Amino acid sequence: MIGGVGSDDTRVPVRTKAVFAVGSAAENVALTAVGGFALFYYNQVLGMPATLAGLAMSVSLILDGLSDPIIGSISDRTRHKLGRRHPFMYVAPIPIALSLIAIFNPPAGLPHLWLFAWFTSFVVSLRVFMAIYHTPHLAMAAEMSDDFAERSRVLSWNALFSYLAAPVTSFVALSTFFKATEKYPRGVLNPDAYSPFAISAALVGLLFLFISAWGTRHLIPRMTAVPDHVAKFSASEFFKDVGAALANKSYLFMLIGFFFISLTNGLRSGLQLYIQTFFWELTSEQIRWFMVATMAGFFVSFFVTARVHMRFGKGFTMAFAIALFSVLYAIPVIARMAGLLPDASDPIVLPILMLTTFVTSIFAAMMSISTMSALADIADENELRFGRRQEGVLYATRTMFSKIDIAIGQFLAGLALDLVAFPTGAKPGQVDHETLMHLAWIDGPIAIVPGLLSAYFYARFRITRAVFEENKRLLAERRAQPS
């Protein structure tokens, strides 16, 4: 931060970047377990109607999203010997792990409504405690350097660990827990695999969360303390914080853009396993190789994003990456709908799908890194206007919009499955062709539209490198003045 961790040397040590990023890896271990498998598990394995399963995911995301800015505002205004961020990071890990285990271990024989209540309760618990950890954790990133490109490097490490955690979790799950058996050739339909999978993911997440919290404690004395003129948290101060954040036009355009891209992501994440298993008729062993392509794409983005920011700026990078991500992801599905591609039994299909995954992963990671780095620049601009740092509120309000919109997408995904009459306990190769085509329309052409709308709003981000450097200069002058 200006006057903080990055004051004497704008370059953050690699060890600090890595330990910080481990916390985001933990989040994605837990959220991949839930977001990637829970809807499928409750619908196809336990027999809950897809609309109910999607509604449970949506309720949890909305409640979680609403809690994010409150947690961010409390964190921004916290005065504690452990600083503004770490007290929250020490409290949350154990409840996160217990909630994840409970999600995949419901009592046997529950009727659908009680199963819905169980699922909803523990997904809400998981997400709220994850917000208690992750909102303060992520807010630290804006304080770790005051350099235009170094902020992008810090968040490149964060995105790399975060994005690697998702495919690694899925790859290990599909290779170990959901591998094919004689009874279950499609391992994701094996009910006995989900409990050990959840326990393992919970333990790994717990370890990573504590590593990041403990490994970044040396930053506490160097982070910005809450100024004396800033009041303690209250309802009125919370609404002032949110109002100040929304008064920034660049931030407002980012929120609108994030709303639309999250709708695309919510639809696609809810339908992904259905498309892979029933539309392409892939086995778990084939699906896991997409994770390798995903990781390769993330590595490319890790090395190039900061350079792209220096050349083209963050606004252009965000808009360009979102537009390409939205369109390229859908091309194989559209090609098969048009009769240009067969299913995965043809040897050419799997390499095409992996190549598409690799390329879209580059742009997905670039999009995330750019967004997080731009939020740190907005924090500088708002400090100039309002005299206080708002990293927690800025990151959290953006996350709130994301979660509410993904919730809508997840609910729409569940609703779509019921509207197209997708069968419960379906078997690959036996689902009606027309049903699959209806599903493909949603995952392909329809999901592109909000992504392109998102690119339009991200293109209106106005903090260029020149504006950033001027804000940095003015903040340095202000801080040099006596209180």
Protein backbone atom coordinates (compact mmCIF):
# COMPACT_ATOMS: atom_id res chain seq x y z
CA MET A 1 0.00 0.00 0.00
CA ILE A 2 1.04 3.64 -0.42
CA GLY A 3 2.66 4.42 2.88
CA GLY A 4 2.45 0.73 3.77
CA VAL A 5 3.94 -2.50 2.54
CA GLY A 6 4.99 -1.14 -0.81
CA SER A 7 6.44 2.21 0.30
CA ASP A 8 10.17 1.51 0.42
CA ASP A 9 10.18 -1.14 -2.29
CA THR A 10 7.27 -1.52 -4.67
CA ARG A 11 8.24 -5.12 -5.43
CA VAL A 12 6.58 -7.61 -3.09
CA PRO A 13 8.72 -10.69 -2.23
CA VAL A 14 7.74 -13.85 -4.08
CA ARG A 15 7.30 -15.76 -0.81
CA THR A 16 4.79 -13.16 0.41
CA LYS A 17 2.87 -13.30 -2.87
CA ALA A 18 2.73 -17.08 -2.74
CA VAL A 19 1.64 -17.37 0.90
CA PHE A 20 -1.00 -14.70 0.36
CA ALA A 21 -2.29 -16.52 -2.73
CA VAL A 22 -2.64 -19.84 -0.88
CA GLY A 23 -5.69 -18.36 0.88
CA SER A 24 -7.49 -17.94 -2.43
CA ALA A 25 -6.51 -21.47 -3.42
CA ALA A 26 -8.30 -22.71 -0.30
CA GLU A 27 -11.43 -20.81 -1.26
CA ASN A 28 -11.51 -22.44 -4.67
CA VAL A 29 -10.94 -25.92 -3.26
CA ALA A 30 -14.13 -25.53 -1.22
CA LEU A 31 -16.17 -23.66 -3.82
CA THR A 32 -15.16 -26.04 -6.62
CA ALA A 33 -16.32 -28.96 -4.50
CA VAL A 34 -19.69 -27.28 -4.04
CA GLY A 35 -20.11 -25.37 -7.30
CA GLY A 36 -18.83 -28.20 -9.48
CA PHE A 37 -20.42 -31.23 -7.83
CA ALA A 38 -23.18 -30.35 -5.34
CA LEU A 39 -25.97 -29.53 -7.81
CA PHE A 40 -25.23 -32.72 -9.75
CA TYR A 41 -25.00 -34.76 -6.53
CA TYR A 42 -28.31 -33.58 -5.06
CA ASN A 43 -30.15 -33.87 -8.38
CA GLN A 44 -28.74 -36.94 -10.14
CA VAL A 45 -27.55 -38.96 -7.14
CA LEU A 46 -30.03 -38.07 -4.38
CA GLY A 47 -32.97 -37.40 -6.70
CA MET A 48 -33.84 -33.86 -5.56
CA PRO A 49 -35.65 -31.85 -8.29
CA ALA A 50 -33.16 -29.68 -10.16
CA THR A 51 -35.13 -26.50 -9.44
CA LEU A 52 -34.91 -27.14 -5.68
CA ALA A 53 -31.20 -27.92 -5.89
CA GLY A 54 -30.57 -24.79 -7.95
CA LEU A 55 -32.68 -22.73 -5.53
CA ALA A 56 -30.57 -23.94 -2.58
CA MET A 57 -27.41 -22.78 -4.35
CA SER A 58 -29.06 -19.47 -5.23
CA VAL A 59 -30.29 -18.75 -1.68
CA SER A 60 -26.81 -19.41 -0.30
CA LEU A 61 -25.18 -17.11 -2.84
CA ILE A 62 -27.62 -14.26 -2.23
CA LEU A 63 -27.28 -14.40 1.56
CA ASP A 64 -23.53 -14.73 1.22
CA GLY A 65 -23.40 -11.82 -1.22
CA LEU A 66 -25.42 -9.57 1.07
CA SER A 67 -23.03 -10.31 3.93
CA ASP A 68 -19.90 -9.44 1.90
CA PRO A 69 -20.07 -5.61 1.98
CA ILE A 70 -21.03 -5.68 5.67
CA ILE A 71 -17.96 -7.79 6.44
CA GLY A 72 -15.87 -5.51 4.21
CA SER A 73 -17.03 -2.38 6.01
CA ILE A 74 -16.43 -3.92 9.45
CA SER A 75 -12.95 -5.01 8.38
CA ASP A 76 -12.10 -1.58 6.92
CA ARG A 77 -13.01 0.03 10.26
CA THR A 78 -11.56 -2.58 12.64
CA ARG A 79 -9.01 -1.45 15.22
CA HIS A 80 -7.28 -4.52 16.66
CA LYS A 81 -3.76 -5.55 17.63
CA LEU A 82 -3.91 -8.05 14.73
CA GLY A 83 -4.84 -5.31 12.27
CA ARG A 84 -7.93 -4.86 10.10
CA ARG A 85 -7.80 -8.23 8.33
CA HIS A 86 -6.27 -11.08 10.34
CA PRO A 87 -8.78 -11.39 13.19
CA PHE A 88 -11.37 -12.54 10.64
CA MET A 89 -8.90 -14.87 8.91
CA TYR A 90 -8.22 -16.75 12.14
CA VAL A 91 -11.91 -17.27 13.01
CA ALA A 92 -13.32 -18.71 9.80
CA PRO A 93 -11.35 -21.85 8.70
CA ILE A 94 -12.82 -24.51 11.05
CA PRO A 95 -16.49 -23.61 10.36
CA ILE A 96 -15.69 -23.65 6.63
CA ALA A 97 -14.31 -27.19 6.81
CA LEU A 98 -17.21 -28.51 8.91
CA SER A 99 -19.80 -26.95 6.59
CA LEU A 100 -18.21 -28.52 3.51
CA ILE A 101 -18.25 -31.97 5.08
CA ALA A 102 -21.90 -31.59 6.09
CA ILE A 103 -23.02 -30.63 2.58
CA PHE A 104 -22.03 -34.01 1.16
CA ASN A 105 -23.14 -36.04 4.17
CA PRO A 106 -26.89 -35.46 4.59
CA PRO A 107 -28.81 -37.92 6.78
CA ALA A 108 -30.12 -40.85 4.78
CA GLY A 109 -33.78 -41.00 3.79
CA LEU A 110 -34.67 -37.32 4.11
CA PRO A 111 -37.68 -36.21 2.04
CA HIS A 112 -36.94 -33.60 -0.60
CA LEU A 113 -37.96 -30.55 1.43
CA TRP A 114 -35.85 -31.59 4.43
CA LEU A 115 -32.98 -32.41 2.08
CA PHE A 116 -33.39 -28.94 0.57
CA ALA A 117 -33.25 -27.40 4.07
CA TRP A 118 -30.08 -29.35 4.94
CA PHE A 119 -28.38 -28.43 1.68
CA THR A 120 -29.34 -24.76 1.92
CA SER A 121 -28.32 -24.37 5.56
CA PHE A 122 -24.82 -25.72 5.17
CA VAL A 123 -24.12 -24.08 1.82
CA VAL A 124 -25.11 -20.76 3.44
CA SER A 125 -22.83 -21.52 6.39
CA LEU A 126 -19.94 -22.42 4.08
CA ARG A 127 -20.27 -19.30 1.98
CA VAL A 128 -20.77 -16.84 4.85
CA PHE A 129 -17.71 -18.09 6.75
CA MET A 130 -15.76 -18.10 3.50
CA ALA A 131 -16.75 -14.43 3.09
CA ILE A 132 -15.58 -13.72 6.65
CA TYR A 133 -12.18 -15.06 5.63
CA HIS A 134 -11.90 -14.10 2.01
CA THR A 135 -13.16 -10.50 2.04
CA PRO A 136 -10.48 -9.24 4.48
CA HIS A 137 -7.90 -11.53 2.88
CA LEU A 138 -8.49 -10.15 -0.60
CA ALA A 139 -8.56 -6.57 0.67
CA MET A 140 -4.91 -6.97 1.72
CA ALA A 141 -3.89 -7.15 -1.95
CA ALA A 142 -4.60 -3.46 -2.52
CA GLU A 143 -2.23 -2.56 0.34
CA MET A 144 0.72 -4.72 -0.69
CA SER A 145 2.11 -2.36 -3.35
CA ASP A 146 1.48 1.09 -4.78
CA ASP A 147 2.99 0.25 -8.19
CA PHE A 148 0.72 0.01 -11.27
CA ALA A 149 2.25 -3.22 -12.60
CA GLU A 150 3.27 -4.78 -9.26
CA ARG A 151 -0.34 -4.79 -8.13
CA SER A 152 -1.12 -6.84 -11.22
CA ARG A 153 1.73 -9.21 -10.38
CA VAL A 154 0.49 -9.69 -6.81
CA LEU A 155 -2.98 -10.47 -8.13
CA SER A 156 -1.52 -12.64 -10.89
CA TRP A 157 -0.09 -14.86 -8.15
CA ASN A 158 -3.41 -14.77 -6.37
CA ALA A 159 -5.30 -15.66 -9.54
CA LEU A 160 -2.79 -18.38 -10.45
CA PHE A 161 -3.17 -20.18 -7.11
CA SER A 162 -6.91 -19.58 -7.08
CA TYR A 163 -7.49 -20.80 -10.59
CA LEU A 164 -5.09 -23.73 -10.30
CA ALA A 165 -6.94 -24.92 -7.20
CA ALA A 166 -10.17 -25.38 -9.14
CA PRO A 167 -8.87 -27.68 -11.92
CA VAL A 168 -6.53 -29.53 -9.55
CA THR A 169 -9.45 -30.19 -7.20
CA SER A 170 -11.58 -31.43 -10.09
CA PHE A 171 -8.74 -33.49 -11.60
CA VAL A 172 -7.95 -35.23 -8.32
CA ALA A 173 -11.65 -35.78 -7.63
CA LEU A 174 -12.31 -37.32 -11.05
CA SER A 175 -9.11 -39.40 -10.96
CA THR A 176 -9.40 -40.65 -7.38
CA PHE A 177 -12.87 -40.40 -5.91
CA PHE A 178 -15.03 -40.50 -9.04
CA LYS A 179 -13.05 -42.94 -11.14
CA ALA A 180 -15.02 -45.50 -13.13
CA THR A 181 -16.05 -48.78 -11.50
CA GLU A 182 -17.86 -51.79 -12.86
CA LYS A 183 -21.06 -50.66 -11.14
CA TYR A 184 -20.61 -46.97 -12.00
CA PRO A 185 -18.88 -46.49 -15.39
CA ARG A 186 -19.61 -42.76 -14.92
CA GLY A 187 -17.95 -42.25 -11.54
CA VAL A 188 -19.77 -38.99 -10.77
CA LEU A 189 -22.94 -41.09 -10.34
CA ASN A 190 -21.37 -43.13 -7.51
CA PRO A 191 -23.06 -42.04 -4.23
CA ASP A 192 -20.32 -43.56 -2.06
CA ALA A 193 -17.63 -41.31 -3.55
CA TYR A 194 -18.94 -37.97 -2.32
CA SER A 195 -18.33 -38.24 1.43
CA PRO A 196 -14.57 -39.06 1.26
CA PHE A 197 -14.22 -36.42 -1.45
CA ALA A 198 -15.78 -33.76 0.80
CA ILE A 199 -13.69 -34.72 3.84
CA SER A 200 -10.47 -34.59 1.83
CA ALA A 201 -11.34 -31.22 0.27
CA ALA A 202 -12.25 -29.83 3.71
CA LEU A 203 -8.93 -30.87 5.25
CA VAL A 204 -6.90 -29.44 2.37
CA GLY A 205 -8.87 -26.18 2.51
CA LEU A 206 -8.42 -25.93 6.27
CA LEU A 207 -4.66 -26.34 5.95
CA PHE A 208 -4.37 -23.73 3.18
CA LEU A 209 -6.48 -21.18 5.04
CA PHE A 210 -4.33 -21.38 8.16
CA ILE A 211 -1.09 -21.28 6.11
CA SER A 212 -2.17 -18.03 4.45
CA ALA A 213 -3.39 -16.41 7.66
CA TRP A 214 -0.28 -17.36 9.66
CA GLY A 215 2.14 -16.78 6.78
CA THR A 216 1.01 -13.18 6.22
CA ARG A 217 1.03 -12.10 9.87
CA HIS A 218 4.36 -10.27 9.31
CA LEU A 219 2.42 -7.75 7.18
CA ILE A 220 0.20 -6.64 10.07
CA PRO A 221 2.50 -3.88 11.46
CA ARG A 222 3.01 -2.46 7.96
CA MET A 223 -0.62 -2.28 6.91
CA THR A 224 -2.54 0.97 7.18
CA ALA A 225 -4.22 1.54 10.52
CA VAL A 226 -7.69 3.03 10.66
CA PRO A 227 -7.34 6.86 10.88
CA ASP A 228 -8.62 8.50 14.04
CA HIS A 229 -11.29 10.47 12.16
CA VAL A 230 -12.91 7.30 10.78
CA ALA A 231 -15.88 6.24 12.91
CA LYS A 232 -16.49 2.72 14.14
CA PHE A 233 -18.77 0.45 12.15
CA SER A 234 -22.48 1.23 12.34
CA ALA A 235 -25.45 0.91 10.01
CA SER A 236 -25.20 4.56 8.97
CA GLU A 237 -21.44 4.34 8.36
CA PHE A 238 -21.96 1.15 6.36
CA PHE A 239 -24.36 2.90 3.99
CA LYS A 240 -21.92 5.80 3.70
CA ASP A 241 -19.20 3.30 2.69
CA VAL A 242 -21.39 1.70 0.05
CA GLY A 243 -22.54 5.09 -1.24
CA ALA A 244 -18.95 6.28 -1.55
CA ALA A 245 -18.01 3.14 -3.48
CA LEU A 246 -20.94 3.46 -5.88
CA ALA A 247 -20.20 7.17 -6.47
CA ASN A 248 -17.10 6.15 -8.44
CA LYS A 249 -18.19 5.81 -12.09
CA SER A 250 -15.43 3.39 -13.02
CA TYR A 251 -16.47 1.17 -10.14
CA LEU A 252 -20.14 1.41 -11.08
CA PHE A 253 -19.41 0.37 -14.66
CA MET A 254 -17.33 -2.53 -13.34
CA LEU A 255 -20.19 -3.69 -11.13
CA ILE A 256 -22.65 -3.63 -14.02
CA GLY A 257 -20.15 -5.50 -16.19
CA PHE A 258 -19.52 -8.00 -13.45
CA PHE A 259 -23.25 -8.54 -13.07
CA PHE A 260 -23.54 -9.65 -16.68
CA ILE A 261 -20.43 -11.86 -16.82
CA SER A 262 -21.47 -13.52 -13.56
CA LEU A 263 -24.81 -14.40 -15.13
CA THR A 264 -22.94 -16.13 -17.96
CA ASN A 265 -20.69 -17.94 -15.49
CA GLY A 266 -23.60 -18.97 -13.26
CA LEU A 267 -25.47 -20.56 -16.15
CA ARG A 268 -22.43 -22.34 -17.49
CA SER A 269 -21.11 -23.60 -14.16
CA GLY A 270 -24.52 -25.04 -13.27
CA LEU A 271 -24.79 -26.85 -16.61
CA GLN A 272 -21.14 -27.78 -17.20
CA LEU A 273 -21.19 -31.29 -15.80
CA TYR A 274 -24.46 -32.00 -17.60
CA ILE A 275 -23.03 -30.81 -20.93
CA GLN A 276 -19.83 -32.81 -20.47
CA THR A 277 -21.54 -36.00 -19.27
CA PHE A 278 -24.67 -36.09 -21.45
CA PHE A 279 -24.17 -33.73 -24.42
CA TRP A 280 -20.58 -34.74 -25.21
CA GLU A 281 -20.89 -38.14 -23.48
CA LEU A 282 -17.49 -37.82 -21.82
CA THR A 283 -16.27 -40.15 -19.08
CA SER A 284 -14.78 -38.88 -15.81
CA GLU A 285 -11.36 -39.92 -17.11
CA GLN A 286 -11.83 -37.72 -20.18
CA ILE A 287 -13.30 -34.77 -18.28
CA ARG A 288 -10.32 -34.61 -15.96
CA TRP A 289 -7.98 -33.73 -18.85
CA PHE A 290 -9.81 -30.44 -19.29
CA MET A 291 -8.27 -29.50 -15.95
CA VAL A 292 -4.79 -29.85 -17.45
CA ALA A 293 -5.76 -27.55 -20.34
CA THR A 294 -7.25 -25.12 -17.82
CA MET A 295 -4.06 -25.03 -15.74
CA ALA A 296 -1.93 -24.46 -18.84
CA GLY A 297 -4.11 -21.48 -19.77
CA PHE A 298 -3.78 -20.00 -16.30
CA PHE A 299 0.01 -20.24 -16.46
CA VAL A 300 0.04 -18.30 -19.73
CA SER A 301 -2.16 -15.58 -18.24
CA PHE A 302 0.04 -15.43 -15.12
CA PHE A 303 3.05 -14.45 -17.22
CA VAL A 304 1.43 -12.08 -19.71
CA THR A 305 -1.31 -10.11 -17.92
CA ALA A 306 0.89 -7.48 -16.25
CA ARG A 307 2.64 -6.89 -19.59
CA VAL A 308 -0.71 -6.48 -21.33
CA HIS A 309 -1.73 -3.94 -18.68
CA MET A 310 1.42 -1.93 -19.30
CA ARG A 311 0.76 -1.92 -23.05
CA PHE A 312 -3.02 -1.52 -23.32
CA GLY A 313 -4.29 -0.56 -19.85
CA LYS A 314 -6.63 -2.44 -17.55
CA GLY A 315 -9.97 -1.29 -19.00
CA PHE A 316 -9.20 -2.51 -22.53
CA THR A 317 -7.74 -5.75 -21.17
CA MET A 318 -10.88 -6.51 -19.14
CA ALA A 319 -13.27 -5.82 -22.04
CA PHE A 320 -11.19 -7.75 -24.58
CA ALA A 321 -10.72 -10.78 -22.33
CA ILE A 322 -14.42 -10.98 -21.37
CA ALA A 323 -15.62 -10.75 -24.96
CA LEU A 324 -13.32 -13.52 -26.17
CA PHE A 325 -14.02 -15.72 -23.15
CA SER A 326 -17.78 -15.43 -23.68
CA VAL A 327 -17.71 -16.27 -27.39
CA LEU A 328 -14.93 -18.86 -27.65
CA TYR A 329 -16.34 -21.03 -24.86
CA ALA A 330 -19.55 -21.59 -26.84
CA ILE A 331 -18.04 -22.35 -30.25
CA PRO A 332 -17.75 -26.18 -29.87
CA VAL A 333 -21.33 -26.46 -28.57
CA ILE A 334 -22.64 -24.29 -31.41
CA ALA A 335 -20.57 -26.28 -33.92
CA ARG A 336 -22.14 -29.54 -32.79
CA MET A 337 -25.62 -28.00 -32.82
CA ALA A 338 -24.94 -27.06 -36.46
CA GLY A 339 -23.80 -30.61 -37.26
CA LEU A 340 -20.14 -29.65 -37.67
CA LEU A 341 -18.90 -31.75 -34.73
CA PRO A 342 -19.90 -35.25 -33.55
CA ASP A 343 -19.85 -36.41 -29.92
CA ALA A 344 -16.65 -37.34 -28.08
CA SER A 345 -16.55 -40.83 -29.65
CA ASP A 346 -14.84 -39.17 -32.62
CA PRO A 347 -11.11 -38.79 -31.78
CA ILE A 348 -10.97 -35.24 -33.13
CA VAL A 349 -13.50 -33.87 -30.64
CA LEU A 350 -11.57 -34.19 -27.36
CA PRO A 351 -8.50 -32.25 -28.66
CA ILE A 352 -10.81 -29.51 -29.98
CA LEU A 353 -12.56 -29.23 -26.62
CA MET A 354 -9.23 -29.17 -24.77
CA LEU A 355 -7.85 -26.46 -27.07
CA THR A 356 -10.97 -24.37 -26.50
CA THR A 357 -10.61 -24.86 -22.74
CA PHE A 358 -6.95 -23.81 -22.87
CA VAL A 359 -7.66 -20.60 -24.79
CA THR A 360 -10.72 -19.56 -22.78
CA SER A 361 -8.81 -20.21 -19.55
CA ILE A 362 -6.20 -17.65 -20.60
CA PHE A 363 -8.87 -15.00 -20.97
CA ALA A 364 -10.78 -16.05 -17.85
CA ALA A 365 -7.68 -15.63 -15.69
CA MET A 366 -6.72 -12.39 -17.44
CA MET A 367 -10.21 -11.07 -16.76
CA SER A 368 -9.96 -11.91 -13.05
CA ILE A 369 -6.45 -10.51 -12.56
CA SER A 370 -7.37 -7.29 -14.35
CA THR A 371 -10.54 -6.80 -12.31
CA MET A 372 -8.82 -7.31 -8.96
CA SER A 373 -5.92 -5.04 -9.91
CA ALA A 374 -8.29 -2.32 -11.13
CA LEU A 375 -10.16 -2.41 -7.80
CA ALA A 376 -6.93 -1.51 -6.01
CA ASP A 377 -6.58 1.52 -8.30
CA ILE A 378 -10.17 2.53 -7.48
CA ALA A 379 -9.29 2.33 -3.76
CA ASP A 380 -6.63 5.00 -4.36
CA GLU A 381 -9.07 7.23 -6.21
CA ASN A 382 -11.68 6.91 -3.47
CA GLU A 383 -9.12 7.68 -0.77
CA LEU A 384 -8.42 10.95 -2.57
CA ARG A 385 -12.14 11.78 -2.61
CA PHE A 386 -13.23 10.54 0.82
CA GLY A 387 -10.10 10.40 2.97
CA ARG A 388 -10.23 6.71 3.88
CA ARG A 389 -9.23 3.35 2.44
CA GLN A 390 -12.14 1.20 1.30
CA GLU A 391 -10.54 -1.98 0.00
CA GLY A 392 -12.86 -4.22 1.99
CA VAL A 393 -16.05 -2.53 0.80
CA LEU A 394 -14.86 -2.22 -2.81
CA TYR A 395 -13.89 -5.86 -3.15
CA ALA A 396 -16.88 -7.05 -1.14
CA THR A 397 -19.54 -5.04 -3.00
CA ARG A 398 -18.16 -6.35 -6.27
CA THR A 399 -18.27 -9.87 -4.82
CA MET A 400 -21.84 -9.31 -3.63
CA PHE A 401 -23.01 -8.43 -7.15
CA SER A 402 -21.14 -11.44 -8.48
CA LYS A 403 -22.67 -13.87 -6.02
CA ILE A 404 -26.22 -12.59 -6.39
CA ASP A 405 -25.91 -12.84 -10.15
CA ILE A 406 -24.28 -16.29 -10.08
CA ALA A 407 -27.15 -17.25 -7.77
CA ILE A 408 -29.58 -16.16 -10.46
CA GLY A 409 -27.56 -18.12 -13.01
CA GLN A 410 -27.47 -21.23 -10.81
CA PHE A 411 -31.21 -21.01 -10.23
CA LEU A 412 -31.83 -20.52 -13.95
CA ALA A 413 -29.62 -23.52 -14.66
CA GLY A 414 -31.72 -25.68 -12.32
CA LEU A 415 -34.92 -24.20 -13.74
CA ALA A 416 -33.71 -24.85 -17.28
CA LEU A 417 -33.07 -28.51 -16.48
CA ASP A 418 -36.64 -28.89 -15.31
CA LEU A 419 -38.08 -26.84 -18.20
CA VAL A 420 -36.38 -29.05 -20.78
CA ALA A 421 -37.57 -32.08 -18.75
CA PHE A 422 -34.05 -33.35 -18.16
CA PRO A 423 -34.48 -36.77 -16.54
CA THR A 424 -33.29 -37.58 -13.01
CA GLY A 425 -30.88 -40.53 -12.88
CA ALA A 426 -30.18 -40.11 -16.59
CA LYS A 427 -27.73 -42.31 -18.46
CA PRO A 428 -25.35 -40.95 -21.12
CA GLY A 429 -26.49 -41.86 -24.62
CA GLN A 430 -30.11 -42.33 -23.52
CA VAL A 431 -31.22 -38.70 -23.10
CA ASP A 432 -33.60 -37.45 -25.80
CA HIS A 433 -31.75 -35.55 -28.59
CA GLU A 434 -34.19 -32.63 -28.51
CA THR A 435 -33.67 -32.24 -24.75
CA LEU A 436 -29.91 -32.07 -25.25
CA MET A 437 -30.26 -29.48 -28.01
CA HIS A 438 -32.43 -27.28 -25.77
CA LEU A 439 -29.75 -27.52 -23.08
CA ALA A 440 -27.06 -26.66 -25.63
CA TRP A 441 -28.93 -23.50 -26.66
CA ILE A 442 -28.76 -22.26 -23.08
CA ASP A 443 -25.10 -23.19 -22.51
CA GLY A 444 -24.04 -21.90 -25.93
CA PRO A 445 -25.72 -19.00 -27.77
CA ILE A 446 -27.89 -17.70 -24.90
CA ALA A 447 -25.02 -17.56 -22.39
CA ILE A 448 -22.92 -15.46 -24.80
CA VAL A 449 -25.28 -12.47 -24.66
CA PRO A 450 -24.69 -11.28 -21.06
CA GLY A 451 -20.94 -11.80 -21.58
CA LEU A 452 -20.88 -9.36 -24.50
CA LEU A 453 -22.94 -6.84 -22.51
CA SER A 454 -20.35 -7.18 -19.75
CA ALA A 455 -17.51 -6.36 -22.17
CA TYR A 456 -19.30 -3.14 -23.17
CA PHE A 457 -19.45 -1.87 -19.59
CA TYR A 458 -15.90 -2.92 -18.70
CA ALA A 459 -14.66 -0.94 -21.70
CA ARG A 460 -15.91 2.21 -19.92
CA PHE A 461 -13.37 1.84 -17.08
CA ARG A 462 -11.54 5.18 -17.01
CA ILE A 463 -8.52 4.83 -14.69
CA THR A 464 -5.67 4.75 -17.20
CA ARG A 465 -2.04 4.46 -16.18
CA ALA A 466 -1.66 8.26 -16.41
CA VAL A 467 -4.64 8.78 -14.11
CA PHE A 468 -3.23 6.16 -11.72
CA GLU A 469 0.16 7.90 -11.52
CA GLU A 470 -1.49 11.28 -10.89
CA ASN A 471 -3.62 9.81 -8.10
CA LYS A 472 -0.50 8.24 -6.60
CA ARG A 473 1.32 11.60 -6.67
CA LEU A 474 -1.58 13.45 -5.04
CA LEU A 475 -1.91 10.83 -2.31
CA ALA A 476 1.80 11.05 -1.55
CA GLU A 477 1.50 14.84 -1.20
CA ARG A 478 -1.51 14.52 1.09
CA ARG A 479 0.18 11.97 3.34
CA ALA A 480 3.28 14.15 3.60
CA GLN A 481 1.21 16.92 5.20
CA PRO A 482 0.88 17.04 9.02
CA SER A 483 -2.32 15.57 10.38
